[in-house]
Protein backbone atom coordinates (compact mmCIF):
# COMPACT_ATOMS: atom_id res chain seq x y z
CA MET A 1 0.00 0.00 0.00
CA LYS A 2 2.72 2.48 0.98
CA LEU A 3 4.81 1.53 -2.05
CA ASN A 4 1.80 2.16 -4.30
CA ARG A 5 1.38 5.65 -2.82
CA ILE A 6 5.01 6.50 -3.55
CA ALA A 7 4.73 5.06 -7.07
CA ILE A 8 1.67 7.23 -7.69
CA LEU A 9 3.51 10.26 -6.29
CA LEU A 10 6.49 9.66 -8.59
CA ALA A 11 4.30 8.98 -11.62
CA THR A 12 2.40 12.19 -10.97
CA PHE A 13 5.59 14.23 -11.13
CA TRP A 14 6.82 12.52 -14.28
CA MET A 15 3.54 12.76 -16.19
CA LEU A 16 2.55 16.35 -15.51
CA PRO A 17 3.84 18.96 -17.92
CA ALA A 18 6.11 21.65 -16.54
CA LEU A 19 3.39 24.27 -16.89
CA ALA A 20 1.20 22.38 -14.44
CA PHE A 21 3.78 23.26 -11.80
CA ALA A 22 3.80 26.98 -12.53
CA ALA A 23 2.86 27.84 -8.96
CA ASP A 24 1.76 31.30 -8.11
CA PRO A 25 4.61 33.27 -6.54
CA GLY A 26 3.07 33.14 -3.07
CA GLU A 27 2.65 29.37 -3.15
CA LEU A 28 6.22 28.88 -4.36
CA ALA A 29 7.64 31.29 -1.75
CA ALA A 30 5.75 29.54 1.07
CA PHE A 31 6.94 26.13 -0.15
CA LYS A 32 10.56 27.29 -0.38
CA GLN A 33 10.36 28.70 3.14
CA ALA A 34 8.85 25.48 4.51
CA ILE A 35 11.41 23.16 2.91
CA ARG A 36 14.25 25.50 3.89
CA ALA A 37 13.16 25.01 7.50
CA GLN A 38 13.29 21.25 6.90
CA TYR A 39 16.77 21.56 5.37
CA ASP A 40 17.89 23.63 8.37
CA LEU A 41 16.60 20.85 10.65
CA LYS A 42 18.56 18.25 8.67
CA GLU A 43 21.76 20.35 8.65
CA LYS A 44 21.53 20.89 12.42
CA ALA A 45 20.93 17.19 13.05
CA PHE A 46 24.12 16.38 11.13
CA ALA A 47 26.05 19.05 13.05
CA ASP A 48 24.74 17.58 16.32
CA GLY A 49 25.42 13.98 15.21
CA ASP A 50 21.75 13.17 15.93
CA PRO A 51 19.84 11.06 13.37
CA ASN A 52 16.49 11.31 15.18
CA PRO A 53 15.27 14.67 13.82
CA ILE A 54 16.08 13.52 10.29
CA VAL A 55 14.37 10.16 10.57
CA GLU A 56 11.38 11.35 12.62
CA GLN A 57 10.78 14.96 11.50
CA PHE A 58 12.21 15.29 7.98
CA TYR A 59 11.15 12.07 6.25
CA SER A 60 7.60 10.74 6.00
CA GLU A 61 6.88 7.35 7.54
CA ASP A 62 6.71 5.73 4.11
CA VAL A 63 9.71 7.49 2.57
CA PHE A 64 11.28 5.94 -0.51
CA SER A 65 14.98 6.77 -0.95
CA VAL A 66 17.48 5.65 -3.59
CA ASP A 67 21.15 6.26 -2.85
CA ASN A 68 24.03 6.95 -5.22
CA GLU A 69 24.81 3.23 -5.52
CA GLY A 70 21.24 2.30 -6.45
CA ASN A 71 20.28 0.89 -3.05
CA THR A 72 16.66 1.46 -2.09
CA HIS A 73 15.57 2.34 1.44
CA ARG A 74 11.86 2.10 2.20
CA GLY A 75 10.44 3.68 5.31
CA ARG A 76 12.02 5.27 8.33
CA ALA A 77 13.16 1.94 9.80
CA GLU A 78 15.42 1.30 6.80
CA LEU A 79 16.78 4.87 6.83
CA ARG A 80 17.59 4.95 10.54
CA PRO A 81 20.79 2.79 10.40
CA LEU A 82 22.09 4.85 7.49
CA TYR A 83 21.59 8.14 9.33
CA GLU A 84 22.92 6.73 12.61
CA GLU A 85 26.18 6.18 10.73
CA VAL A 86 26.48 9.27 8.53
CA THR A 87 25.41 11.89 11.08
CA LYS A 88 28.38 10.90 13.24
CA SER A 89 30.91 11.41 10.49
CA SER A 90 29.76 14.40 8.41
CA ASN A 91 28.26 17.86 8.29
CA VAL A 92 26.03 18.88 5.40
CA ARG A 93 24.73 21.96 3.65
CA ILE A 94 21.75 21.89 1.30
CA GLU A 95 21.35 24.38 -1.55
CA SER A 96 18.09 24.46 -3.50
CA VAL A 97 18.66 24.74 -7.24
CA ASN A 98 15.30 24.19 -8.98
CA THR A 99 12.05 24.13 -7.01
CA ARG A 100 8.48 23.34 -8.11
CA VAL A 101 5.22 23.06 -6.20
CA SER A 102 1.55 22.53 -6.96
CA GLY A 103 -0.90 22.18 -4.10
CA ASP A 104 0.25 19.46 -1.71
CA MET A 105 3.06 18.12 -3.93
CA GLY A 106 6.43 19.59 -4.78
CA TRP A 107 9.99 18.75 -5.63
CA ASP A 108 13.36 20.36 -5.22
CA TRP A 109 16.57 19.65 -7.11
CA ALA A 110 19.42 20.55 -4.77
CA ASN A 111 23.13 20.42 -4.15
CA PHE A 112 23.90 18.39 -1.04
CA TYR A 113 27.36 19.33 0.19
CA VAL A 114 29.04 16.87 2.57
CA THR A 115 32.00 17.87 4.75
CA PRO A 116 33.48 14.99 6.73
CA LYS A 117 34.08 15.76 10.41
CA ASP A 118 37.51 14.16 10.00
CA PRO A 119 39.68 16.91 8.48
CA ALA A 120 41.82 14.26 6.73
CA GLU A 121 38.85 13.34 4.51
CA LYS A 122 37.84 15.37 1.46
CA PRO A 123 34.46 17.07 1.07
CA PHE A 124 32.14 15.92 -1.73
CA SER A 125 28.65 16.63 -2.98
CA PHE A 126 25.53 15.04 -4.38
CA LYS A 127 22.95 16.17 -6.90
CA ILE A 128 19.74 15.29 -5.11
CA LEU A 129 16.05 15.32 -5.93
CA PHE A 130 13.79 15.74 -2.91
CA LEU A 131 10.12 14.82 -3.37
CA TRP A 132 7.79 16.65 -1.00
CA GLU A 133 4.24 15.99 0.13
CA LYS A 134 2.14 18.19 2.38
CA VAL A 135 0.24 16.10 4.93
CA GLY A 136 -1.84 17.67 7.68
CA GLY A 137 -0.52 21.11 6.79
CA ARG A 138 3.15 20.05 7.11
CA TRP A 139 5.70 19.31 4.39
CA TRP A 140 7.41 15.92 4.59
CA CYS A 141 10.12 14.50 2.37
CA ALA A 142 8.36 11.52 0.81
CA GLY A 143 11.33 10.46 -1.29
CA ASP A 144 14.75 11.34 -2.58
CA MET A 145 17.29 10.13 -5.09
CA TYR A 146 20.87 11.25 -5.42
CA VAL A 147 24.09 10.84 -7.39
CA LEU A 148 27.59 12.17 -6.88
CA GLY A 149 28.24 15.62 -8.31
CA GLN A 150 26.81 19.10 -8.08
CA PHE A 151 24.64 21.38 -10.16
CA ASP A 152 26.23 24.45 -11.70
CA VAL A 153 24.42 27.29 -9.95
CA THR A 154 26.12 30.02 -12.02
CA LYS A 155 23.78 29.42 -14.97
């Protein structure tokens, strides 16, 4: 059931033309502000080495996440071990690059900068797509997918 909901969410984004996501400026500004607050929460959780806010307050219960190696993580229970590990070893910064919203659905292409807490390790970044769903008046990350690299934000 939960997998079907995520599949429908993803299919909705892929099938709708870009013009369907031409949100009015107020809707887009409110969405950007709401997800920025979520990104701030995630960045702080990494800085604090605490996976709980990420797993319990950032991601929806039925989140669907695909990592840079093609591994799929379904639900908070599968994400928890991953975040228990990575929040201890890294800090992150999230930079929105291309944001769309329509009603209770939205997405955000972003740069996800990772700085290891060990100064001997080199920083790196991901190109990431966050899928957002508004439930009960609150935006939750319902899915994400990422690959190594970063978007050129000078264009």
